[in-house]
């Protein structure tokens, strides 16, 4: 096996490793377990390192890495054994505007966690800032499927949050 040169290592670090935090956030949200997420990210980076000579420099490295991550999670069938630890800071996960601004992030995360896996992965990719076309490529599904899953997942999260608001209002009135 041929060794990578110092220039290749530097290129990998500057192009790929800068996305490690985003990969870790996605893996944590999908797997709901820090240990499994960390393993998945390490395997993703190792796979990307081994295949880095095949990476096209003018393409989207972030999308390429996310596709490796999502394919790896799907292939291994990883599932979280436990939920998110209590008190974990999730402030940077979901931006929620009015009328949900008074909701705790944990309620939004719970609504996202309740989604079926295929809807959750599409929604989380959208939260990470990927376009529908990029998500389609990462998940190897048609753009129309991405758009419908994204629409359904947003509606389900919105309904869950609305239901929580109504329940909170009923408690206040009682």
N, C-alpha and C. Protein backbone atom coordinates (compact mmCIF):
# COMPACT_ATOMS: atom_id res chain seq x y z
N UNK A 1 0.83 -1.18 0.00
CA UNK A 1 0.00 0.00 0.00
C UNK A 1 0.88 1.25 0.00
N UNK A 2 0.60 2.14 -0.92
CA UNK A 2 1.38 3.37 -1.04
C UNK A 2 1.05 4.34 0.09
N UNK A 3 2.05 4.99 0.59
CA UNK A 3 1.86 5.97 1.66
C UNK A 3 1.46 7.32 1.08
N UNK A 4 0.75 8.08 1.85
CA UNK A 4 0.38 9.43 1.44
C UNK A 4 1.54 10.38 1.70
N UNK A 5 1.69 11.34 0.82
CA UNK A 5 2.74 12.34 1.00
C UNK A 5 2.28 13.39 2.02
N UNK A 6 3.21 14.20 2.45
CA UNK A 6 2.88 15.28 3.40
C UNK A 6 1.88 16.25 2.77
N UNK A 7 2.02 16.51 1.46
CA UNK A 7 1.09 17.40 0.77
C UNK A 7 -0.32 16.82 0.75
N UNK A 8 -0.41 15.51 0.52
CA UNK A 8 -1.72 14.86 0.51
C UNK A 8 -2.36 14.91 1.89
N UNK A 9 -1.56 14.71 2.92
CA UNK A 9 -2.07 14.80 4.30
C UNK A 9 -2.58 16.21 4.60
N UNK A 10 -1.82 17.20 4.21
CA UNK A 10 -2.23 18.59 4.43
C UNK A 10 -3.51 18.91 3.66
N UNK A 11 -3.60 18.42 2.43
CA UNK A 11 -4.81 18.65 1.64
C UNK A 11 -6.02 18.00 2.30
N UNK A 12 -5.87 16.76 2.76
CA UNK A 12 -6.97 16.07 3.45
C UNK A 12 -7.38 16.84 4.69
N UNK A 13 -6.41 17.28 5.47
CA UNK A 13 -6.72 18.04 6.68
C UNK A 13 -7.46 19.33 6.37
N UNK A 14 -7.05 20.03 5.32
CA UNK A 14 -7.68 21.32 5.01
C UNK A 14 -9.02 21.17 4.31
N UNK A 15 -9.23 20.08 3.58
CA UNK A 15 -10.48 19.91 2.83
C UNK A 15 -11.49 19.07 3.60
N UNK A 16 -11.04 18.01 4.25
CA UNK A 16 -11.97 17.06 4.86
C UNK A 16 -12.12 17.22 6.37
N UNK A 17 -11.03 17.34 7.08
CA UNK A 17 -11.10 17.35 8.54
C UNK A 17 -11.82 18.57 9.10
N UNK A 18 -11.94 19.62 8.31
CA UNK A 18 -12.65 20.81 8.77
C UNK A 18 -14.15 20.53 8.97
N UNK A 19 -14.64 19.42 8.44
CA UNK A 19 -16.07 19.07 8.56
C UNK A 19 -16.35 18.08 9.68
N UNK A 20 -15.35 17.79 10.49
CA UNK A 20 -15.50 16.79 11.55
C UNK A 20 -16.62 17.14 12.53
N UNK A 21 -16.71 18.38 12.95
CA UNK A 21 -17.76 18.77 13.90
C UNK A 21 -19.16 18.59 13.31
N UNK A 22 -19.33 18.95 12.06
CA UNK A 22 -20.63 18.78 11.40
C UNK A 22 -20.98 17.30 11.28
N UNK A 23 -20.00 16.48 10.94
CA UNK A 23 -20.23 15.03 10.88
C UNK A 23 -20.63 14.49 12.25
N UNK A 24 -19.94 14.95 13.28
CA UNK A 24 -20.23 14.49 14.63
C UNK A 24 -21.65 14.90 15.05
N UNK A 25 -22.06 16.13 14.73
CA UNK A 25 -23.43 16.57 15.08
C UNK A 25 -24.46 15.68 14.40
N UNK A 26 -24.26 15.41 13.12
CA UNK A 26 -25.21 14.58 12.37
C UNK A 26 -25.25 13.17 12.94
N UNK A 27 -24.10 12.60 13.19
CA UNK A 27 -24.05 11.23 13.72
C UNK A 27 -24.71 11.15 15.09
N UNK A 28 -24.48 12.15 15.94
CA UNK A 28 -25.10 12.15 17.27
C UNK A 28 -26.62 12.22 17.16
N UNK A 29 -27.10 13.04 16.25
CA UNK A 29 -28.55 13.19 16.11
C UNK A 29 -29.19 11.95 15.52
N UNK A 30 -28.49 11.29 14.63
CA UNK A 30 -29.06 10.08 14.03
C UNK A 30 -28.96 8.88 14.95
N UNK A 31 -27.83 8.74 15.63
CA UNK A 31 -27.59 7.55 16.44
C UNK A 31 -28.01 7.70 17.89
N UNK A 32 -28.13 8.95 18.35
CA UNK A 32 -28.57 9.25 19.71
C UNK A 32 -27.66 8.66 20.78
N UNK A 33 -26.39 8.55 20.44
CA UNK A 33 -25.43 7.99 21.39
C UNK A 33 -24.05 8.51 21.02
N UNK A 34 -23.41 9.20 21.97
CA UNK A 34 -22.10 9.80 21.69
C UNK A 34 -21.05 8.78 21.26
N UNK A 35 -21.03 7.64 21.92
CA UNK A 35 -20.03 6.62 21.59
C UNK A 35 -20.20 6.07 20.18
N UNK A 36 -21.44 5.73 19.83
CA UNK A 36 -21.70 5.23 18.48
C UNK A 36 -21.41 6.31 17.44
N UNK A 37 -21.76 7.55 17.77
CA UNK A 37 -21.53 8.66 16.84
C UNK A 37 -20.04 8.87 16.61
N UNK A 38 -19.27 8.84 17.68
CA UNK A 38 -17.83 9.03 17.54
C UNK A 38 -17.22 7.91 16.70
N UNK A 39 -17.65 6.68 16.92
CA UNK A 39 -17.17 5.55 16.11
C UNK A 39 -17.52 5.75 14.64
N UNK A 40 -18.75 6.17 14.38
CA UNK A 40 -19.20 6.37 12.99
C UNK A 40 -18.39 7.46 12.30
N UNK A 41 -18.10 8.54 13.02
CA UNK A 41 -17.30 9.63 12.43
C UNK A 41 -15.88 9.15 12.16
N UNK A 42 -15.29 8.42 13.09
CA UNK A 42 -13.93 7.91 12.88
C UNK A 42 -13.88 6.97 11.68
N UNK A 43 -14.88 6.10 11.56
CA UNK A 43 -14.93 5.20 10.40
C UNK A 43 -15.13 5.98 9.11
N UNK A 44 -15.93 7.04 9.17
CA UNK A 44 -16.15 7.88 7.99
C UNK A 44 -14.85 8.52 7.55
N UNK A 45 -14.12 9.09 8.49
CA UNK A 45 -12.86 9.76 8.16
C UNK A 45 -11.81 8.78 7.66
N UNK A 46 -11.79 7.60 8.25
CA UNK A 46 -10.86 6.57 7.78
C UNK A 46 -11.20 6.15 6.35
N UNK A 47 -12.47 5.94 6.09
CA UNK A 47 -12.90 5.57 4.73
C UNK A 47 -12.57 6.70 3.74
N UNK A 48 -12.83 7.94 4.15
CA UNK A 48 -12.52 9.09 3.29
C UNK A 48 -11.03 9.20 3.04
N UNK A 49 -10.23 8.95 4.06
CA UNK A 49 -8.77 8.99 3.92
C UNK A 49 -8.30 7.95 2.91
N UNK A 50 -8.83 6.73 3.04
CA UNK A 50 -8.43 5.66 2.12
C UNK A 50 -8.84 5.96 0.68
N UNK A 51 -9.97 6.64 0.52
CA UNK A 51 -10.49 6.92 -0.83
C UNK A 51 -10.18 8.33 -1.30
N UNK A 52 -9.35 9.05 -0.57
CA UNK A 52 -9.13 10.47 -0.86
C UNK A 52 -8.54 10.71 -2.25
N UNK A 53 -7.78 9.79 -2.75
CA UNK A 53 -7.22 9.96 -4.11
C UNK A 53 -8.32 9.94 -5.17
N UNK A 54 -9.45 9.36 -4.84
CA UNK A 54 -10.57 9.31 -5.79
C UNK A 54 -11.46 10.55 -5.69
N UNK A 55 -11.28 11.35 -4.64
CA UNK A 55 -12.09 12.55 -4.47
C UNK A 55 -11.75 13.57 -5.55
N UNK A 56 -12.79 14.14 -6.15
CA UNK A 56 -12.61 15.16 -7.18
C UNK A 56 -12.49 16.52 -6.49
N UNK A 57 -11.36 17.21 -6.62
CA UNK A 57 -11.13 18.46 -5.90
C UNK A 57 -12.17 19.55 -6.12
N UNK A 58 -12.80 19.59 -7.27
CA UNK A 58 -13.77 20.66 -7.55
C UNK A 58 -15.18 20.32 -7.09
N UNK A 59 -15.35 19.22 -6.36
CA UNK A 59 -16.68 18.82 -5.90
C UNK A 59 -16.84 19.18 -4.42
N UNK A 60 -18.03 18.91 -3.89
CA UNK A 60 -18.38 19.27 -2.53
C UNK A 60 -17.90 18.19 -1.55
N UNK A 61 -16.80 18.47 -0.87
CA UNK A 61 -16.22 17.50 0.06
C UNK A 61 -17.15 17.23 1.23
N UNK A 62 -17.84 18.25 1.70
CA UNK A 62 -18.76 18.09 2.83
C UNK A 62 -19.86 17.10 2.49
N UNK A 63 -20.45 17.24 1.31
CA UNK A 63 -21.50 16.31 0.88
C UNK A 63 -20.93 14.90 0.71
N UNK A 64 -19.72 14.81 0.18
CA UNK A 64 -19.06 13.50 0.00
C UNK A 64 -18.88 12.82 1.35
N UNK A 65 -18.42 13.56 2.35
CA UNK A 65 -18.22 13.00 3.69
C UNK A 65 -19.54 12.58 4.33
N UNK A 66 -20.57 13.41 4.18
CA UNK A 66 -21.87 13.06 4.74
C UNK A 66 -22.44 11.82 4.08
N UNK A 67 -22.20 11.67 2.79
CA UNK A 67 -22.69 10.47 2.11
C UNK A 67 -21.98 9.23 2.66
N UNK A 68 -20.68 9.33 2.88
CA UNK A 68 -19.93 8.21 3.46
C UNK A 68 -20.49 7.88 4.84
N UNK A 69 -20.73 8.92 5.65
CA UNK A 69 -21.28 8.72 6.99
C UNK A 69 -22.64 8.04 6.94
N UNK A 70 -23.55 8.58 6.14
CA UNK A 70 -24.91 8.03 6.07
C UNK A 70 -24.92 6.62 5.51
N UNK A 71 -24.10 6.37 4.50
CA UNK A 71 -24.01 5.00 3.96
C UNK A 71 -23.45 4.04 5.00
N UNK A 72 -22.46 4.50 5.76
CA UNK A 72 -21.89 3.65 6.80
C UNK A 72 -22.89 3.32 7.90
N UNK A 73 -23.66 4.31 8.30
CA UNK A 73 -24.68 4.07 9.33
C UNK A 73 -25.74 3.12 8.79
N UNK A 74 -26.16 3.34 7.56
CA UNK A 74 -27.18 2.48 6.95
C UNK A 74 -26.66 1.05 6.78
N UNK A 75 -25.40 0.93 6.33
CA UNK A 75 -24.83 -0.39 6.06
C UNK A 75 -24.65 -1.21 7.34
N UNK A 76 -24.19 -0.57 8.40
CA UNK A 76 -23.95 -1.30 9.64
C UNK A 76 -25.22 -1.49 10.44
N UNK A 77 -26.28 -0.76 10.08
CA UNK A 77 -27.53 -0.88 10.81
C UNK A 77 -27.41 -0.43 12.25
N UNK A 78 -26.51 0.51 12.49
CA UNK A 78 -26.31 1.00 13.85
C UNK A 78 -27.60 1.61 14.38
N UNK A 79 -27.85 1.35 15.61
CA UNK A 79 -28.98 1.95 16.31
C UNK A 79 -28.50 2.38 17.68
N UNK A 80 -29.03 3.43 18.15
CA UNK A 80 -28.66 3.87 19.49
C UNK A 80 -29.23 2.91 20.52
N UNK A 81 -28.43 2.63 21.52
CA UNK A 81 -28.88 1.76 22.59
C UNK A 81 -29.50 2.58 23.72
N UNK A 82 -29.10 3.85 23.80
CA UNK A 82 -29.64 4.73 24.82
C UNK A 82 -29.99 6.06 24.20
N UNK A 83 -30.78 6.86 24.90
CA UNK A 83 -31.14 8.19 24.41
C UNK A 83 -30.05 9.20 24.72
N UNK A 84 -30.32 10.45 24.39
CA UNK A 84 -29.37 11.51 24.71
C UNK A 84 -29.27 11.67 26.22
N UNK A 85 -28.07 11.89 26.72
CA UNK A 85 -27.91 12.06 28.16
C UNK A 85 -28.64 13.32 28.63
N UNK A 86 -29.23 13.29 29.83
CA UNK A 86 -29.91 14.47 30.35
C UNK A 86 -28.92 15.62 30.52
N UNK A 87 -29.38 16.81 30.20
CA UNK A 87 -28.56 18.00 30.38
C UNK A 87 -27.56 18.26 29.28
N UNK A 88 -27.54 17.43 28.23
CA UNK A 88 -26.60 17.67 27.14
C UNK A 88 -27.01 18.96 26.44
N UNK A 89 -26.06 19.80 26.12
CA UNK A 89 -26.34 21.06 25.46
C UNK A 89 -26.61 20.80 23.98
N UNK A 90 -27.80 21.15 23.55
CA UNK A 90 -28.18 20.96 22.16
C UNK A 90 -28.54 22.29 21.51
N UNK A 91 -28.00 23.38 22.03
CA UNK A 91 -28.39 24.71 21.59
C UNK A 91 -28.17 24.97 20.10
N UNK A 92 -27.17 24.34 19.50
CA UNK A 92 -26.85 24.65 18.11
C UNK A 92 -27.54 23.71 17.12
N UNK A 93 -28.48 22.90 17.57
CA UNK A 93 -29.05 21.90 16.68
C UNK A 93 -30.17 22.41 15.81
N UNK A 94 -31.11 23.13 16.39
CA UNK A 94 -32.29 23.53 15.64
C UNK A 94 -32.59 24.99 15.95
N UNK A 95 -32.75 25.79 14.93
CA UNK A 95 -33.15 27.17 15.14
C UNK A 95 -34.66 27.23 15.01
N UNK A 96 -35.31 27.65 16.07
CA UNK A 96 -36.77 27.69 16.05
C UNK A 96 -37.19 29.12 16.29
N UNK A 97 -37.97 29.64 15.37
CA UNK A 97 -38.45 31.01 15.50
C UNK A 97 -39.85 31.05 16.07
N UNK A 98 -40.39 32.21 16.14
CA UNK A 98 -41.73 32.43 16.65
C UNK A 98 -42.72 31.58 15.89
N UNK A 99 -43.74 31.01 16.50
CA UNK A 99 -44.21 31.12 17.88
C UNK A 99 -43.59 30.10 18.80
N UNK A 100 -42.56 29.39 18.36
CA UNK A 100 -41.98 28.34 19.18
C UNK A 100 -40.77 28.82 19.97
N UNK A 101 -40.48 30.10 19.94
CA UNK A 101 -39.27 30.60 20.59
C UNK A 101 -39.24 30.30 22.08
N UNK A 102 -40.40 30.19 22.71
CA UNK A 102 -40.43 29.92 24.14
C UNK A 102 -40.22 28.45 24.46
N UNK A 103 -40.22 27.61 23.45
CA UNK A 103 -40.03 26.18 23.67
C UNK A 103 -38.58 25.88 24.00
N UNK A 104 -38.38 24.93 24.85
CA UNK A 104 -37.03 24.46 25.14
C UNK A 104 -36.54 23.64 23.96
N UNK A 105 -35.25 23.67 23.74
CA UNK A 105 -34.69 22.89 22.64
C UNK A 105 -34.97 21.40 22.80
N UNK A 106 -35.03 20.96 24.03
CA UNK A 106 -35.27 19.54 24.26
C UNK A 106 -36.61 19.10 23.69
N UNK A 107 -37.60 19.98 23.69
CA UNK A 107 -38.90 19.64 23.10
C UNK A 107 -38.79 19.51 21.58
N UNK A 108 -38.01 20.38 20.97
CA UNK A 108 -37.81 20.30 19.52
C UNK A 108 -37.02 19.04 19.17
N UNK A 109 -36.00 18.74 19.96
CA UNK A 109 -35.19 17.55 19.72
C UNK A 109 -36.05 16.30 19.88
N UNK A 110 -36.91 16.29 20.89
CA UNK A 110 -37.80 15.14 21.10
C UNK A 110 -38.73 14.96 19.89
N UNK A 111 -39.21 16.06 19.34
CA UNK A 111 -40.08 15.98 18.16
C UNK A 111 -39.31 15.43 16.96
N UNK A 112 -38.07 15.84 16.80
CA UNK A 112 -37.24 15.33 15.70
C UNK A 112 -36.91 13.86 15.92
N UNK A 113 -36.59 13.51 17.16
CA UNK A 113 -36.26 12.12 17.48
C UNK A 113 -37.43 11.18 17.23
N UNK A 114 -38.65 11.69 17.32
CA UNK A 114 -39.83 10.85 17.12
C UNK A 114 -40.09 10.55 15.64
N UNK A 115 -39.39 11.24 14.76
CA UNK A 115 -39.58 11.02 13.32
C UNK A 115 -39.03 9.65 12.92
N UNK A 116 -39.62 9.05 11.88
CA UNK A 116 -39.00 7.84 11.32
C UNK A 116 -37.59 8.18 10.82
N UNK A 117 -36.70 7.20 10.82
CA UNK A 117 -35.29 7.46 10.48
C UNK A 117 -35.12 8.14 9.12
N UNK A 118 -35.86 7.70 8.10
CA UNK A 118 -35.67 8.30 6.77
C UNK A 118 -36.08 9.77 6.75
N UNK A 119 -37.10 10.15 7.51
CA UNK A 119 -37.47 11.57 7.58
C UNK A 119 -36.47 12.35 8.43
N UNK A 120 -36.02 11.74 9.51
CA UNK A 120 -35.07 12.41 10.40
C UNK A 120 -33.76 12.71 9.68
N UNK A 121 -33.25 11.75 8.90
CA UNK A 121 -31.97 11.98 8.22
C UNK A 121 -32.08 13.10 7.19
N UNK A 122 -33.21 13.18 6.49
CA UNK A 122 -33.41 14.26 5.51
C UNK A 122 -33.52 15.60 6.21
N UNK A 123 -34.29 15.66 7.30
CA UNK A 123 -34.46 16.91 8.03
C UNK A 123 -33.13 17.38 8.62
N UNK A 124 -32.37 16.47 9.20
CA UNK A 124 -31.10 16.85 9.80
C UNK A 124 -30.10 17.32 8.76
N UNK A 125 -30.12 16.71 7.59
CA UNK A 125 -29.23 17.17 6.50
C UNK A 125 -29.63 18.58 6.08
N UNK A 126 -30.94 18.85 6.05
CA UNK A 126 -31.41 20.19 5.71
C UNK A 126 -30.99 21.19 6.79
N UNK A 127 -31.06 20.78 8.06
CA UNK A 127 -30.62 21.65 9.15
C UNK A 127 -29.13 21.96 9.01
N UNK A 128 -28.36 21.01 8.52
CA UNK A 128 -26.92 21.23 8.31
C UNK A 128 -26.65 22.15 7.12
N UNK A 129 -27.69 22.52 6.38
CA UNK A 129 -27.53 23.47 5.30
C UNK A 129 -27.38 22.87 3.92
N UNK A 130 -27.63 21.58 3.78
CA UNK A 130 -27.53 20.96 2.46
C UNK A 130 -28.78 21.26 1.64
N UNK A 131 -28.59 21.44 0.35
CA UNK A 131 -29.71 21.62 -0.58
C UNK A 131 -30.34 20.26 -0.87
N UNK A 132 -31.58 20.28 -1.35
CA UNK A 132 -32.29 19.03 -1.65
C UNK A 132 -31.50 18.17 -2.63
N UNK A 133 -30.88 18.79 -3.60
CA UNK A 133 -30.10 18.03 -4.59
C UNK A 133 -28.90 17.34 -3.92
N UNK A 134 -28.25 18.02 -2.99
CA UNK A 134 -27.12 17.42 -2.27
C UNK A 134 -27.59 16.27 -1.38
N UNK A 135 -28.72 16.46 -0.71
CA UNK A 135 -29.27 15.41 0.15
C UNK A 135 -29.63 14.20 -0.70
N UNK A 136 -30.21 14.46 -1.86
CA UNK A 136 -30.56 13.39 -2.79
C UNK A 136 -29.34 12.57 -3.16
N UNK A 137 -28.25 13.25 -3.45
CA UNK A 137 -27.01 12.57 -3.81
C UNK A 137 -26.44 11.79 -2.62
N UNK A 138 -26.47 12.40 -1.42
CA UNK A 138 -25.92 11.73 -0.24
C UNK A 138 -26.68 10.47 0.11
N UNK A 139 -28.01 10.53 0.01
CA UNK A 139 -28.84 9.40 0.41
C UNK A 139 -29.18 8.47 -0.74
N UNK A 140 -28.76 8.85 -1.95
CA UNK A 140 -29.03 8.06 -3.15
C UNK A 140 -30.53 7.81 -3.32
N UNK A 141 -31.30 8.90 -3.20
CA UNK A 141 -32.74 8.86 -3.43
C UNK A 141 -33.11 10.03 -4.34
N UNK A 142 -34.24 9.94 -5.05
CA UNK A 142 -34.63 11.03 -5.93
C UNK A 142 -34.89 12.34 -5.17
N UNK A 143 -34.68 13.47 -5.85
CA UNK A 143 -34.91 14.78 -5.25
C UNK A 143 -36.36 14.92 -4.79
N UNK A 144 -37.30 14.40 -5.56
CA UNK A 144 -38.70 14.46 -5.17
C UNK A 144 -38.97 13.75 -3.85
N UNK A 145 -38.29 12.64 -3.64
CA UNK A 145 -38.43 11.90 -2.38
C UNK A 145 -37.87 12.73 -1.23
N UNK A 146 -36.74 13.38 -1.46
CA UNK A 146 -36.15 14.26 -0.44
C UNK A 146 -37.15 15.35 -0.07
N UNK A 147 -37.72 15.99 -1.10
CA UNK A 147 -38.64 17.09 -0.85
C UNK A 147 -39.89 16.63 -0.10
N UNK A 148 -40.43 15.47 -0.45
CA UNK A 148 -41.63 15.00 0.25
C UNK A 148 -41.30 14.59 1.68
N UNK A 149 -40.16 13.92 1.90
CA UNK A 149 -39.77 13.55 3.26
C UNK A 149 -39.50 14.79 4.11
N UNK A 150 -38.88 15.78 3.51
CA UNK A 150 -38.60 17.02 4.23
C UNK A 150 -39.89 17.72 4.60
N UNK A 151 -40.82 17.77 3.67
CA UNK A 151 -42.11 18.41 3.93
C UNK A 151 -42.86 17.68 5.05
N UNK A 152 -42.89 16.34 4.97
CA UNK A 152 -43.58 15.56 6.00
C UNK A 152 -42.91 15.71 7.36
N UNK A 153 -41.58 15.70 7.37
CA UNK A 153 -40.88 15.80 8.66
C UNK A 153 -41.10 17.18 9.28
N UNK A 154 -41.05 18.23 8.48
CA UNK A 154 -41.32 19.56 9.02
C UNK A 154 -42.74 19.66 9.57
N UNK A 155 -43.70 19.10 8.82
CA UNK A 155 -45.10 19.14 9.28
C UNK A 155 -45.28 18.37 10.58
N UNK A 156 -44.63 17.20 10.70
CA UNK A 156 -44.75 16.41 11.92
C UNK A 156 -44.12 17.11 13.11
N UNK A 157 -42.96 17.74 12.91
CA UNK A 157 -42.32 18.48 14.00
C UNK A 157 -43.21 19.67 14.37
N UNK A 158 -43.72 20.39 13.39
CA UNK A 158 -44.60 21.53 13.64
C UNK A 158 -45.83 21.08 14.43
N UNK A 159 -46.44 19.96 14.02
CA UNK A 159 -47.63 19.46 14.73
C UNK A 159 -47.29 19.07 16.17
N UNK A 160 -46.16 18.43 16.37
CA UNK A 160 -45.76 18.04 17.72
C UNK A 160 -45.54 19.27 18.60
N UNK A 161 -44.91 20.29 18.04
CA UNK A 161 -44.66 21.51 18.81
C UNK A 161 -45.97 22.26 19.08
N UNK A 162 -46.86 22.30 18.09
CA UNK A 162 -48.17 22.92 18.30
C UNK A 162 -48.95 22.19 19.38
N UNK A 163 -48.91 20.87 19.35
CA UNK A 163 -49.59 20.06 20.36
C UNK A 163 -49.03 20.37 21.75
N UNK A 164 -47.73 20.50 21.84
CA UNK A 164 -47.09 20.85 23.11
C UNK A 164 -47.49 22.23 23.59
N UNK A 165 -47.59 23.20 22.65
CA UNK A 165 -48.02 24.55 23.02
C UNK A 165 -49.45 24.54 23.55
N UNK A 166 -50.33 23.80 22.86
CA UNK A 166 -51.74 23.72 23.31
C UNK A 166 -51.82 23.08 24.68
N UNK A 167 -51.05 22.02 24.91
CA UNK A 167 -51.06 21.36 26.21
C UNK A 167 -50.55 22.30 27.29
N UNK A 168 -49.53 23.06 26.98
CA UNK A 168 -48.97 24.02 27.94
C UNK A 168 -49.99 25.10 28.27
N UNK A 169 -50.71 25.59 27.24
CA UNK A 169 -51.76 26.60 27.46
C UNK A 169 -52.88 26.07 28.34
N UNK A 170 -53.29 24.82 28.11
CA UNK A 170 -54.36 24.22 28.93
C UNK A 170 -53.93 24.13 30.40
N UNK A 171 -52.68 23.80 30.63
CA UNK A 171 -52.18 23.72 32.01
C UNK A 171 -52.20 25.08 32.67
N UNK A 172 -51.82 26.11 31.92
CA UNK A 172 -51.80 27.48 32.48
C UNK A 172 -53.20 27.94 32.87
N UNK A 173 -54.18 27.60 32.04
CA UNK A 173 -55.56 28.02 32.28
C UNK A 173 -56.19 27.27 33.45
N UNK A 174 -55.73 26.07 33.69
CA UNK A 174 -56.35 25.24 34.74
C UNK A 174 -55.96 25.64 36.13
